[in-house]
Structures are given as structure tokens and as C-alpha cells.
PDB file of N, CA and C in Angstrom:
ATOM      1  N   UNK A   1     175.346  95.813  72.686  1.00  0.00           N
ATOM      2  CA  UNK A   1     175.921  94.683  71.993  1.00  0.00           C
ATOM      3  C   UNK A   1     177.250  94.328  72.652  1.00  0.00           C
ATOM      4  N   UNK A   2     177.434  93.048  72.929  1.00  0.00           N
ATOM      5  CA  UNK A   2     178.676  92.579  73.521  1.00  0.00           C
ATOM      6  C   UNK A   2     179.689  92.197  72.463  1.00  0.00           C
ATOM      7  N   UNK A   3     180.908  91.978  72.905  1.00  0.00           N
ATOM      8  CA  UNK A   3     181.982  91.576  72.005  1.00  0.00           C
ATOM      9  C   UNK A   3     182.661  90.339  72.566  1.00  0.00           C
ATOM     10  N   UNK A   4     182.861  89.347  71.689  1.00  0.00           N
ATOM     11  CA  UNK A   4     183.627  88.180  72.100  1.00  0.00           C
ATOM     12  C   UNK A   4     184.793  87.985  71.134  1.00  0.00           C
ATOM     13  N   UNK A   5     185.848  87.399  71.655  1.00  0.00           N
ATOM     14  CA  UNK A   5     186.974  87.009  70.823  1.00  0.00           C
ATOM     15  C   UNK A   5     187.298  85.564  71.195  1.00  0.00           C
ATOM     16  N   UNK A   6     187.180  84.683  70.213  1.00  0.00           N
ATOM     17  CA  UNK A   6     187.440  83.272  70.418  1.00  0.00           C
ATOM     18  C   UNK A   6     188.800  82.960  69.804  1.00  0.00           C
ATOM     19  N   UNK A   7     189.679  82.380  70.617  1.00  0.00           N
ATOM     20  CA  UNK A   7     191.012  82.000  70.155  1.00  0.00           C
ATOM     21  C   UNK A   7     191.008  80.520  69.789  1.00  0.00           C
ATOM     22  N   UNK A   8     191.417  80.229  68.565  1.00  0.00           N
ATOM     23  CA  UNK A   8     191.530  78.847  68.115  1.00  0.00           C
ATOM     24  C   UNK A   8     192.978  78.545  67.768  1.00  0.00           C
ATOM     25  N   UNK A   9     193.520  77.495  68.369  1.00  0.00           N
ATOM     26  CA  UNK A   9     194.903  77.093  68.111  1.00  0.00           C
ATOM     27  C   UNK A   9     194.977  75.794  67.316  1.00  0.00           C
ATOM     28  N   UNK A  10     193.839  75.304  66.834  1.00  0.00           N
ATOM     29  CA  UNK A  10     193.802  73.978  66.201  1.00  0.00           C
ATOM     30  C   UNK A  10     193.362  74.014  64.747  1.00  0.00           C
ATOM     31  N   UNK A  11     193.781  72.989  64.031  1.00  0.00           N
ATOM     32  CA  UNK A  11     193.388  72.759  62.647  1.00  0.00           C
ATOM     33  C   UNK A  11     193.124  71.277  62.481  1.00  0.00           C
ATOM     34  N   UNK A  12     193.856  70.648  61.557  1.00  0.00           N
ATOM     35  CA  UNK A  12     193.682  69.213  61.303  1.00  0.00           C
ATOM     36  C   UNK A  12     194.022  68.364  62.522  1.00  0.00           C
ATOM     37  N   UNK A  13     194.836  68.886  63.427  1.00  0.00           N
ATOM     38  CA  UNK A  13     195.215  68.126  64.618  1.00  0.00           C
ATOM     39  C   UNK A  13     194.034  67.876  65.542  1.00  0.00           C
ATOM     40  N   UNK A  14     193.035  68.759  65.512  1.00  0.00           N
ATOM     41  CA  UNK A  14     191.839  68.590  66.344  1.00  0.00           C
ATOM     42  C   UNK A  14     190.689  69.365  65.695  1.00  0.00           C
ATOM     43  N   UNK A  15     190.091  68.739  64.699  1.00  0.00           N
ATOM     44  CA  UNK A  15     189.039  69.390  63.906  1.00  0.00           C
ATOM     45  C   UNK A  15     187.842  69.760  64.775  1.00  0.00           C
ATOM     46  N   UNK A  16     187.571  68.961  65.791  1.00  0.00           N
ATOM     47  CA  UNK A  16     186.445  69.272  66.675  1.00  0.00           C
ATOM     48  C   UNK A  16     186.651  70.613  67.371  1.00  0.00           C
ATOM     49  N   UNK A  17     187.827  70.840  67.935  1.00  0.00           N
ATOM     50  CA  UNK A  17     188.098  72.122  68.604  1.00  0.00           C
ATOM     51  C   UNK A  17     188.058  73.283  67.616  1.00  0.00           C
ATOM     52  N   UNK A  18     188.638  73.084  66.442  1.00  0.00           N
ATOM     53  CA  UNK A  18     188.617  74.136  65.427  1.00  0.00           C
ATOM     54  C   UNK A  18     187.183  74.489  65.053  1.00  0.00           C
ATOM     55  N   UNK A  19     186.357  73.468  64.902  1.00  0.00           N
ATOM     56  CA  UNK A  19     184.955  73.687  64.549  1.00  0.00           C
ATOM     57  C   UNK A  19     184.204  74.387  65.677  1.00  0.00           C
ATOM     58  N   UNK A  20     184.415  73.928  66.905  1.00  0.00           N
ATOM     59  CA  UNK A  20     183.715  74.524  68.049  1.00  0.00           C
ATOM     60  C   UNK A  20     183.999  76.020  68.186  1.00  0.00           C
ATOM     61  N   UNK A  21     185.208  76.433  67.887  1.00  0.00           N
ATOM     62  CA  UNK A  21     185.528  77.860  67.959  1.00  0.00           C
ATOM     63  C   UNK A  21     184.608  78.659  67.038  1.00  0.00           C
ATOM     64  N   UNK A  22     184.408  78.156  65.832  1.00  0.00           N
ATOM     65  CA  UNK A  22     183.536  78.855  64.880  1.00  0.00           C
ATOM     66  C   UNK A  22     182.064  78.676  65.210  1.00  0.00           C
ATOM     67  N   UNK A  23     181.685  77.553  65.809  1.00  0.00           N
ATOM     68  CA  UNK A  23     180.302  77.363  66.268  1.00  0.00           C
ATOM     69  C   UNK A  23     179.965  78.426  67.316  1.00  0.00           C
ATOM     70  N   UNK A  24     180.875  78.637  68.262  1.00  0.00           N
ATOM     71  CA  UNK A  24     180.669  79.677  69.285  1.00  0.00           C
ATOM     72  C   UNK A  24     180.568  81.046  68.628  1.00  0.00           C
ATOM     73  N   UNK A  25     181.469  81.311  67.687  1.00  0.00           N
ATOM     74  CA  UNK A  25     181.422  82.592  66.971  1.00  0.00           C
ATOM     75  C   UNK A  25     180.107  82.794  66.247  1.00  0.00           C
ATOM     76  N   UNK A  26     179.615  81.753  65.594  1.00  0.00           N
ATOM     77  CA  UNK A  26     178.330  81.851  64.890  1.00  0.00           C
ATOM     78  C   UNK A  26     177.169  82.044  65.856  1.00  0.00           C
ATOM     79  N   UNK A  27     177.235  81.397  67.007  1.00  0.00           N
ATOM     80  CA  UNK A  27     176.181  81.582  68.012  1.00  0.00           C
ATOM     81  C   UNK A  27     176.163  83.021  68.502  1.00  0.00           C
ATOM     82  N   UNK A  28     177.341  83.593  68.696  1.00  0.00           N
ATOM     83  CA  UNK A  28     177.422  84.990  69.132  1.00  0.00           C
ATOM     84  C   UNK A  28     176.808  85.915  68.086  1.00  0.00           C
ATOM     85  N   UNK A  29     177.162  85.701  66.828  1.00  0.00           N
ATOM     86  CA  UNK A  29     176.609  86.544  65.764  1.00  0.00           C
ATOM     87  C   UNK A  29     175.094  86.402  65.683  1.00  0.00           C
ATOM     88  N   UNK A  30     174.606  85.174  65.831  1.00  0.00           N
ATOM     89  CA  UNK A  30     173.160  84.930  65.768  1.00  0.00           C
ATOM     90  C   UNK A  30     172.402  85.624  66.888  1.00  0.00           C
ATOM     91  N   UNK A  31     173.095  85.861  68.005  1.00  0.00           N
ATOM     92  CA  UNK A  31     172.436  86.536  69.124  1.00  0.00           C
ATOM     93  C   UNK A  31     172.731  88.037  69.146  1.00  0.00           C
ATOM     94  N   UNK A  32     173.254  88.554  68.034  1.00  0.00           N
ATOM     95  CA  UNK A  32     173.451  89.992  67.912  1.00  0.00           C
ATOM     96  C   UNK A  32     174.726  90.537  68.538  1.00  0.00           C
ATOM     97  N   UNK A  33     175.676  89.666  68.819  1.00  0.00           N
ATOM     98  CA  UNK A  33     176.934  90.103  69.413  1.00  0.00           C
ATOM     99  C   UNK A  33     177.995  90.267  68.316  1.00  0.00           C
ATOM    100  N   UNK A  34     179.030  91.029  68.608  1.00  0.00           N
ATOM    101  CA  UNK A  34     180.182  91.127  67.717  1.00  0.00           C
ATOM    102  C   UNK A  34     181.096  89.949  68.020  1.00  0.00           C
ATOM    103  N   UNK A  35     181.633  89.328  66.974  1.00  0.00           N
ATOM    104  CA  UNK A  35     182.480  88.158  67.188  1.00  0.00           C
ATOM    105  C   UNK A  35     183.728  88.217  66.313  1.00  0.00           C
ATOM    106  N   UNK A  36     184.851  87.913  66.955  1.00  0.00           N
ATOM    107  CA  UNK A  36     186.126  87.816  66.268  1.00  0.00           C
ATOM    108  C   UNK A  36     186.727  86.456  66.580  1.00  0.00           C
ATOM    109  N   UNK A  37     187.243  85.797  65.548  1.00  0.00           N
ATOM    110  CA  UNK A  37     187.998  84.568  65.735  1.00  0.00           C
ATOM    111  C   UNK A  37     189.464  84.935  65.595  1.00  0.00           C
ATOM    112  N   UNK A  38     190.242  84.686  66.637  1.00  0.00           N
ATOM    113  CA  UNK A  38     191.682  84.914  66.616  1.00  0.00           C
ATOM    114  C   UNK A  38     192.339  83.554  66.421  1.00  0.00           C
ATOM    115  N   UNK A  39     192.972  83.361  65.278  1.00  0.00           N
ATOM    116  CA  UNK A  39     193.609  82.096  64.949  1.00  0.00           C
ATOM    117  C   UNK A  39     195.095  82.200  65.240  1.00  0.00           C
ATOM    118  N   UNK A  40     195.567  81.311  66.125  1.00  0.00           N
ATOM    119  CA  UNK A  40     196.976  81.313  66.516  1.00  0.00           C
ATOM    120  C   UNK A  40     197.546  79.897  66.382  1.00  0.00           C
ATOM    121  N   UNK A  41     198.858  79.788  66.519  1.00  0.00           N
ATOM    122  CA  UNK A  41     199.574  78.518  66.428  1.00  0.00           C
ATOM    123  C   UNK A  41     199.098  77.794  65.159  1.00  0.00           C
ATOM    124  N   UNK A  42     198.734  76.505  65.225  1.00  0.00           N
ATOM    125  CA  UNK A  42     198.295  75.790  64.022  1.00  0.00           C
ATOM    126  C   UNK A  42     196.884  76.174  63.575  1.00  0.00           C
ATOM    127  N   UNK A  43     196.181  76.933  64.382  1.00  0.00           N
ATOM    128  CA  UNK A  43     194.867  77.428  63.977  1.00  0.00           C
ATOM    129  C   UNK A  43     194.924  78.357  62.781  1.00  0.00           C
ATOM    130  N   UNK A  44     196.072  78.968  62.525  1.00  0.00           N
ATOM    131  CA  UNK A  44     196.192  79.889  61.387  1.00  0.00           C
ATOM    132  C   UNK A  44     195.899  79.194  60.063  1.00  0.00           C
ATOM    133  N   UNK A  45     196.154  77.883  60.004  1.00  0.00           N
ATOM    134  CA  UNK A  45     195.906  77.141  58.764  1.00  0.00           C
ATOM    135  C   UNK A  45     194.433  77.172  58.368  1.00  0.00           C
ATOM    136  N   UNK A  46     193.526  77.258  59.333  1.00  0.00           N
ATOM    137  CA  UNK A  46     192.091  77.232  59.046  1.00  0.00           C
ATOM    138  C   UNK A  46     191.682  78.386  58.129  1.00  0.00           C
ATOM    139  N   UNK A  47     192.400  79.482  58.181  1.00  0.00           N
ATOM    140  CA  UNK A  47     192.065  80.658  57.366  1.00  0.00           C
ATOM    141  C   UNK A  47     192.759  80.662  56.011  1.00  0.00           C
ATOM    142  N   UNK A  48     193.441  79.563  55.660  1.00  0.00           N
ATOM    143  CA  UNK A  48     194.085  79.527  54.350  1.00  0.00           C
ATOM    144  C   UNK A  48     193.166  78.850  53.339  1.00  0.00           C
ATOM    145  N   UNK A  49     193.257  79.315  52.119  1.00  0.00           N
ATOM    146  CA  UNK A  49     192.390  78.830  51.041  1.00  0.00           C
ATOM    147  C   UNK A  49     192.514  77.324  50.865  1.00  0.00           C
ATOM    148  N   UNK A  50     191.377  76.642  50.899  1.00  0.00           N
ATOM    149  CA  UNK A  50     191.309  75.213  50.649  1.00  0.00           C
ATOM    150  C   UNK A  50     191.640  74.318  51.829  1.00  0.00           C
ATOM    151  N   UNK A  51     192.191  74.865  52.899  1.00  0.00           N
ATOM    152  CA  UNK A  51     192.621  74.040  54.029  1.00  0.00           C
ATOM    153  C   UNK A  51     191.465  73.282  54.683  1.00  0.00           C
ATOM    154  N   UNK A  52     190.351  73.944  54.898  1.00  0.00           N
ATOM    155  CA  UNK A  52     189.243  73.339  55.644  1.00  0.00           C
ATOM    156  C   UNK A  52     188.398  72.383  54.806  1.00  0.00           C
ATOM    157  N   UNK A  53     188.610  72.376  53.495  1.00  0.00           N
ATOM    158  CA  UNK A  53     187.818  71.500  52.624  1.00  0.00           C
ATOM    159  C   UNK A  53     188.004  70.041  53.036  1.00  0.00           C
ATOM    160  N   UNK A  54     186.889  69.355  53.225  1.00  0.00           N
ATOM    161  CA  UNK A  54     186.929  67.944  53.567  1.00  0.00           C
ATOM    162  C   UNK A  54     187.125  67.640  55.043  1.00  0.00           C
ATOM    163  N   UNK A  55     187.301  68.672  55.872  1.00  0.00           N
ATOM    164  CA  UNK A  55     187.476  68.449  57.306  1.00  0.00           C
ATOM    165  C   UNK A  55     186.122  68.538  58.002  1.00  0.00           C
ATOM    166  N   UNK A  56     185.795  67.510  58.766  1.00  0.00           N
ATOM    167  CA  UNK A  56     184.522  67.493  59.477  1.00  0.00           C
ATOM    168  C   UNK A  56     184.645  66.631  60.720  1.00  0.00           C
ATOM    169  N   UNK A  57     184.361  67.223  61.848  1.00  0.00           N
ATOM    170  CA  UNK A  57     184.331  66.480  63.109  1.00  0.00           C
ATOM    171  C   UNK A  57     182.993  65.757  63.208  1.00  0.00           C
ATOM    172  N   UNK A  58     183.018  64.595  63.809  1.00  0.00           N
ATOM    173  CA  UNK A  58     181.798  63.813  63.955  1.00  0.00           C
ATOM    174  C   UNK A  58     180.733  64.606  64.708  1.00  0.00           C
ATOM    175  N   UNK A  59     179.546  64.661  64.133  1.00  0.00           N
ATOM    176  CA  UNK A  59     178.428  65.350  64.770  1.00  0.00           C
ATOM    177  C   UNK A  59     178.337  66.836  64.455  1.00  0.00           C
ATOM    178  N   UNK A  60     179.265  67.337  63.635  1.00  0.00           N
ATOM    179  CA  UNK A  60     179.290  68.764  63.304  1.00  0.00           C
ATOM    180  C   UNK A  60     179.195  68.967  61.801  1.00  0.00           C
ATOM    181  N   UNK A  61     178.797  70.159  61.412  1.00  0.00           N
ATOM    182  CA  UNK A  61     178.825  70.537  60.002  1.00  0.00           C
ATOM    183  C   UNK A  61     180.286  70.590  59.539  1.00  0.00           C
ATOM    184  N   UNK A  62     180.533  70.486  58.245  1.00  0.00           N
ATOM    185  CA  UNK A  62     181.899  70.588  57.746  1.00  0.00           C
ATOM    186  C   UNK A  62     182.552  71.909  58.183  1.00  0.00           C
ATOM    187  N   UNK A  63     183.835  71.836  58.528  1.00  0.00           N
ATOM    188  CA  UNK A  63     184.545  73.023  59.000  1.00  0.00           C
ATOM    189  C   UNK A  63     184.478  74.152  57.988  1.00  0.00           C
ATOM    190  N   UNK A  64     184.651  73.858  56.718  1.00  0.00           N
ATOM    191  CA  UNK A  64     184.615  74.910  55.691  1.00  0.00           C
ATOM    192  C   UNK A  64     183.272  75.643  55.704  1.00  0.00           C
ATOM    193  N   UNK A  65     182.186  74.913  55.923  1.00  0.00           N
ATOM    194  CA  UNK A  65     180.849  75.528  55.953  1.00  0.00           C
ATOM    195  C   UNK A  65     180.684  76.431  57.174  1.00  0.00           C
ATOM    196  N   UNK A  66     181.176  75.980  58.311  1.00  0.00           N
ATOM    197  CA  UNK A  66     181.042  76.750  59.548  1.00  0.00           C
ATOM    198  C   UNK A  66     181.869  78.036  59.455  1.00  0.00           C
ATOM    199  N   UNK A  67     183.058  77.930  58.870  1.00  0.00           N
ATOM    200  CA  UNK A  67     183.911  79.114  58.677  1.00  0.00           C
ATOM    201  C   UNK A  67     183.232  80.091  57.716  1.00  0.00           C
ATOM    202  N   UNK A  68     182.721  79.584  56.590  1.00  0.00           N
ATOM    203  CA  UNK A  68     182.072  80.443  55.610  1.00  0.00           C
ATOM    204  C   UNK A  68     180.845  81.136  56.204  1.00  0.00           C
ATOM    205  N   UNK A  69     180.058  80.414  56.994  1.00  0.00           N
ATOM    206  CA  UNK A  69     178.892  81.001  57.649  1.00  0.00           C
ATOM    207  C   UNK A  69     179.327  82.151  58.553  1.00  0.00           C
ATOM    208  N   UNK A  70     180.407  81.954  59.291  1.00  0.00           N
ATOM    209  CA  UNK A  70     180.906  82.984  60.197  1.00  0.00           C
ATOM    210  C   UNK A  70     181.279  84.250  59.429  1.00  0.00           C
ATOM    211  N   UNK A  71     182.015  84.091  58.361  1.00  0.00           N
ATOM    212  CA  UNK A  71     182.447  85.249  57.566  1.00  0.00           C
ATOM    213  C   UNK A  71     181.246  85.916  56.898  1.00  0.00           C
ATOM    214  N   UNK A  72     180.366  85.117  56.316  1.00  0.00           N
ATOM    215  CA  UNK A  72     179.182  85.649  55.633  1.00  0.00           C
ATOM    216  C   UNK A  72     178.300  86.457  56.578  1.00  0.00           C
ATOM    217  N   UNK A  73     178.220  86.030  57.835  1.00  0.00           N
ATOM    218  CA  UNK A  73     177.368  86.702  58.813  1.00  0.00           C
ATOM    219  C   UNK A  73     178.042  87.871  59.516  1.00  0.00           C
ATOM    220  N   UNK A  74     179.216  88.256  59.035  1.00  0.00           N
ATOM    221  CA  UNK A  74     179.867  89.450  59.569  1.00  0.00           C
ATOM    222  C   UNK A  74     180.923  89.214  60.624  1.00  0.00           C
ATOM    223  N   UNK A  75     181.294  87.952  60.842  1.00  0.00           N
ATOM    224  CA  UNK A  75     182.353  87.666  61.800  1.00  0.00           C
ATOM    225  C   UNK A  75     183.706  88.118  61.271  1.00  0.00           C
ATOM    226  N   UNK A  76     184.583  88.444  62.178  1.00  0.00           N
ATOM    227  CA  UNK A  76     185.928  88.908  61.841  1.00  0.00           C
ATOM    228  C   UNK A  76     186.911  87.775  62.111  1.00  0.00           C
ATOM    229  N   UNK A  77     187.792  87.502  61.145  1.00  0.00           N
ATOM    230  CA  UNK A  77     188.806  86.462  61.304  1.00  0.00           C
ATOM    231  C   UNK A  77     190.178  87.126  61.318  1.00  0.00           C
ATOM    232  N   UNK A  78     190.838  87.017  62.454  1.00  0.00           N
ATOM    233  CA  UNK A  78     192.205  87.536  62.608  1.00  0.00           C
ATOM    234  C   UNK A  78     193.178  86.369  62.619  1.00  0.00           C
ATOM    235  N   UNK A  79     194.228  86.491  61.835  1.00  0.00           N
ATOM    236  CA  UNK A  79     195.273  85.483  61.762  1.00  0.00           C
ATOM    237  C   UNK A  79     196.533  86.074  62.390  1.00  0.00           C
ATOM    238  N   UNK A  80     197.047  85.420  63.402  1.00  0.00           N
ATOM    239  CA  UNK A  80     198.241  85.887  64.088  1.00  0.00           C
ATOM    240  C   UNK A  80     199.414  85.959  63.109  1.00  0.00           C
ATOM    241  N   UNK A  81     199.923  87.167  62.906  1.00  0.00           N
ATOM    242  CA  UNK A  81     201.034  87.357  61.986  1.00  0.00           C
ATOM    243  C   UNK A  81     202.293  86.643  62.438  1.00  0.00           C
ATOM    244  N   UNK A  82     202.561  86.660  63.737  1.00  0.00           N
ATOM    245  CA  UNK A  82     203.751  85.989  64.268  1.00  0.00           C
ATOM    246  C   UNK A  82     203.651  84.474  64.094  1.00  0.00           C
ATOM    247  N   UNK A  83     202.434  83.943  64.116  1.00  0.00           N
ATOM    248  CA  UNK A  83     202.226  82.504  63.933  1.00  0.00           C
ATOM    249  C   UNK A  83     202.247  82.125  62.448  1.00  0.00           C
ATOM    250  N   UNK A  84     201.773  83.029  61.608  1.00  0.00           N
ATOM    251  CA  UNK A  84     201.734  82.767  60.167  1.00  0.00           C
ATOM    252  C   UNK A  84     203.134  82.783  59.553  1.00  0.00           C
ATOM    253  N   UNK A  85     203.974  83.654  60.045  1.00  0.00           N
ATOM    254  CA  UNK A  85     205.301  83.843  59.441  1.00  0.00           C
ATOM    255  C   UNK A  85     206.122  82.559  59.365  1.00  0.00           C
ATOM    256  N   UNK A  86     206.318  81.802  60.464  1.00  0.00           N
ATOM    257  CA  UNK A  86     207.127  80.585  60.353  1.00  0.00           C
ATOM    258  C   UNK A  86     206.468  79.491  59.511  1.00  0.00           C
ATOM    259  N   UNK A  87     205.184  79.636  59.217  1.00  0.00           N
ATOM    260  CA  UNK A  87     204.465  78.671  58.395  1.00  0.00           C
ATOM    261  C   UNK A  87     204.390  79.147  56.949  1.00  0.00           C
ATOM    262  N   UNK A  88     205.071  80.266  56.655  1.00  0.00           N
ATOM    263  CA  UNK A  88     205.123  80.861  55.307  1.00  0.00           C
ATOM    264  C   UNK A  88     203.733  81.206  54.774  1.00  0.00           C
ATOM    265  N   UNK A  89     202.837  81.593  55.677  1.00  0.00           N
ATOM    266  CA  UNK A  89     201.495  82.014  55.286  1.00  0.00           C
ATOM    267  C   UNK A  89     201.501  83.527  55.138  1.00  0.00           C
ATOM    268  N   UNK A  90     201.070  83.985  53.971  1.00  0.00           N
ATOM    269  CA  UNK A  90     200.987  85.419  53.702  1.00  0.00           C
ATOM    270  C   UNK A  90     199.524  85.788  53.461  1.00  0.00           C
ATOM    271  N   UNK A  91     199.261  87.064  53.332  1.00  0.00           N
ATOM    272  CA  UNK A  91     197.896  87.538  53.079  1.00  0.00           C
ATOM    273  C   UNK A  91     197.320  86.916  51.810  1.00  0.00           C
ATOM    274  N   UNK A  92     198.157  86.608  50.828  1.00  0.00           N
ATOM    275  CA  UNK A  92     197.688  85.998  49.582  1.00  0.00           C
ATOM    276  C   UNK A  92     197.119  84.600  49.784  1.00  0.00           C
ATOM    277  N   UNK A  93     197.515  83.937  50.860  1.00  0.00           N
ATOM    278  CA  UNK A  93     197.047  82.580  51.143  1.00  0.00           C
ATOM    279  C   UNK A  93     195.708  82.548  51.875  1.00  0.00           C
ATOM    280  N   UNK A  94     195.253  83.701  52.381  1.00  0.00           N
ATOM    281  CA  UNK A  94     194.081  83.728  53.258  1.00  0.00           C
ATOM    282  C   UNK A  94     192.755  83.749  52.507  1.00  0.00           C
ATOM    283  N   UNK A  95     191.753  83.161  53.143  1.00  0.00           N
ATOM    284  CA  UNK A  95     190.389  83.196  52.615  1.00  0.00           C
ATOM    285  C   UNK A  95     189.874  84.631  52.680  1.00  0.00           C
ATOM    286  N   UNK A  96     188.866  84.914  51.866  1.00  0.00           N
ATOM    287  CA  UNK A  96     188.218  86.225  51.930  1.00  0.00           C
ATOM    288  C   UNK A  96     187.660  86.423  53.334  1.00  0.00           C
ATOM    289  N   UNK A  97     187.858  87.602  53.877  1.00  0.00           N
ATOM    290  CA  UNK A  97     187.351  87.916  55.212  1.00  0.00           C
ATOM    291  C   UNK A  97     188.362  87.718  56.316  1.00  0.00           C
ATOM    292  N   UNK A  98     189.515  87.129  56.009  1.00  0.00           N
ATOM    293  CA  UNK A  98     190.560  86.923  57.020  1.00  0.00           C
ATOM    294  C   UNK A  98     191.675  87.935  56.807  1.00  0.00           C
ATOM    295  N   UNK A  99     192.306  88.342  57.919  1.00  0.00           N
ATOM    296  CA  UNK A  99     193.401  89.305  57.815  1.00  0.00           C
ATOM    297  C   UNK A  99     194.485  89.002  58.834  1.00  0.00           C
ATOM    298  N   UNK A 100     195.720  89.271  58.443  1.00  0.00           N
ATOM    299  CA  UNK A 100     196.848  89.130  59.354  1.00  0.00           C
ATOM    300  C   UNK A 100     196.838  90.279  60.338  1.00  0.00           C
ATOM    301  N   UNK A 101     197.078  89.980  61.611  1.00  0.00           N
ATOM    302  CA  UNK A 101     197.134  91.012  62.644  1.00  0.00           C
ATOM    303  C   UNK A 101     198.311  90.741  63.571  1.00  0.00           C
ATOM    304  N   UNK A 102     198.729  91.784  64.237  1.00  0.00           N
ATOM    305  CA  UNK A 102     199.766  91.657  65.248  1.00  0.00           C
ATOM    306  C   UNK A 102     199.154  91.479  66.624  1.00  0.00           C
ATOM    307  N   UNK A 103     200.005  91.147  67.572  1.00  0.00           N
ATOM    308  CA  UNK A 103     199.550  90.913  68.944  1.00  0.00           C
ATOM    309  C   UNK A 103     198.862  92.135  69.534  1.00  0.00           C
ATOM    310  N   UNK A 104     199.326  93.317  69.168  1.00  0.00           N
ATOM    311  CA  UNK A 104     198.742  94.542  69.718  1.00  0.00           C
ATOM    312  C   UNK A 104     197.259  94.658  69.373  1.00  0.00           C
ATOM    313  N   UNK A 105     196.864  94.158  68.220  1.00  0.00           N
ATOM    314  CA  UNK A 105     195.454  94.216  67.811  1.00  0.00           C
ATOM    315  C   UNK A 105     194.590  93.382  68.751  1.00  0.00           C
ATOM    316  N   UNK A 106     195.051  92.179  69.078  1.00  0.00           N
ATOM    317  CA  UNK A 106     194.308  91.317  70.004  1.00  0.00           C
ATOM    318  C   UNK A 106     194.274  91.916  71.399  1.00  0.00           C
ATOM    319  N   UNK A 107     195.390  92.443  71.847  1.00  0.00           N
ATOM    320  CA  UNK A 107     195.453  93.062  73.175  1.00  0.00           C
ATOM    321  C   UNK A 107     194.480  94.235  73.250  1.00  0.00           C
ATOM    322  N   UNK A 108     194.448  95.040  72.208  1.00  0.00           N
ATOM    323  CA  UNK A 108     193.542  96.193  72.189  1.00  0.00           C
ATOM    324  C   UNK A 108     192.082  95.743  72.294  1.00  0.00           C
ATOM    325  N   UNK A 109     191.725  94.685  71.590  1.00  0.00           N
ATOM    326  CA  UNK A 109     190.347  94.177  71.657  1.00  0.00           C
ATOM    327  C   UNK A 109     189.994  93.741  73.068  1.00  0.00           C
ATOM    328  N   UNK A 110     190.933  93.064  73.736  1.00  0.00           N
ATOM    329  CA  UNK A 110     190.669  92.609  75.114  1.00  0.00           C
ATOM    330  C   UNK A 110     190.571  93.787  76.072  1.00  0.00           C
ATOM    331  N   UNK A 111     191.460  94.752  75.935  1.00  0.00           N
ATOM    332  CA  UNK A 111     191.440  95.930  76.801  1.00  0.00           C
ATOM    333  C   UNK A 111     190.140  96.708  76.619  1.00  0.00           C
ATOM    334  N   UNK A 112     189.607  96.659  75.396  1.00  0.00           N
ATOM    335  CA  UNK A 112     188.368  97.370  75.103  1.00  0.00           C
ATOM    336  C   UNK A 112     187.118  96.549  75.425  1.00  0.00           C
ATOM    337  N   UNK A 113     187.289  95.446  76.154  1.00  0.00           N
ATOM    338  CA  UNK A 113     186.134  94.750  76.694  1.00  0.00           C
ATOM    339  C   UNK A 113     185.717  93.449  76.042  1.00  0.00           C
ATOM    340  N   UNK A 114     186.436  92.970  75.038  1.00  0.00           N
ATOM    341  CA  UNK A 114     186.042  91.698  74.430  1.00  0.00           C
ATOM    342  C   UNK A 114     186.200  90.564  75.446  1.00  0.00           C
ATOM    343  N   UNK A 115     185.160  89.786  75.584  1.00  0.00           N
ATOM    344  CA  UNK A 115     185.213  88.583  76.409  1.00  0.00           C
ATOM    345  C   UNK A 115     185.926  87.516  75.591  1.00  0.00           C
ATOM    346  N   UNK A 116     186.764  86.713  76.218  1.00  0.00           N
ATOM    347  CA  UNK A 116     187.549  85.748  75.464  1.00  0.00           C
ATOM    348  C   UNK A 116     187.262  84.305  75.877  1.00  0.00           C
ATOM    349  N   UNK A 117     187.459  83.427  74.908  1.00  0.00           N
ATOM    350  CA  UNK A 117     187.303  82.002  75.086  1.00  0.00           C
ATOM    351  C   UNK A 117     188.325  81.341  74.186  1.00  0.00           C
ATOM    352  N   UNK A 118     188.962  80.281  74.648  1.00  0.00           N
ATOM    353  CA  UNK A 118     190.008  79.638  73.858  1.00  0.00           C
ATOM    354  C   UNK A 118     189.715  78.169  73.610  1.00  0.00           C
ATOM    355  N   UNK A 119     190.095  77.726  72.412  1.00  0.00           N
ATOM    356  CA  UNK A 119     189.995  76.314  72.026  1.00  0.00           C
ATOM    357  C   UNK A 119     191.349  75.865  71.541  1.00  0.00           C
TER     358      UNK A 119
END
């Protein structure tokens, strides 16, 4: 089984990119791979409760649905703690299945072989 880590830096500013990150993650899970979404910069908002509601890029399923599918299917959602802090996002604001992590956690995943892709 392979491991991928998809970095998403977008939210409402580019719903298509935010959605594509989770589409890739869902495709990985569907093919039996381990998948982690690393949300950084404004991407951290995607993991907050209610944020993705009503967001939908043309030609794609609603962002909230794609995120929920990812979590339901066993995907891991990491929220950059350094990025969340200036946005006043705490663990209490996060959707079920998302967790705050430090940079060392992401580095460890890459060192241990996770293939990466960024949006």
C-alpha cells in the first residue's frame, strides 16, 4: 500500500483547487492507498465546521460532500497548527476527523515515503 499526502492551500479563494485536493485523496483511498490531506495557509478553513457548506466548483460535487467522503473512507485531515493560530482556529473549530499538527508531523510523513502533491 502506498502513501500520499496532498497539500491544499485554498478555500473560498479557489474552490476548484480545494475540491481537487480532496478528489485526489478520495481516488487514492478508492484504490487502496493511504491518504492524508495537509491543509495549510487558507486551506485550514476547509476543516472548520460549516465552512465548506454551500461551496461548489463548477463540474464538481459540493466541497462539503467531497470532504465528508474523504473522512468517512478513512482519510486523514491534518491542519497546520502554525497556519491555524493567526486565524484563531482551535481544535474546537475543526470538523470530526481533522486534527491540528505541527510541521514535524508533515516532515516525518514525507521522510517515511509519502508521495506529495500540492494544490
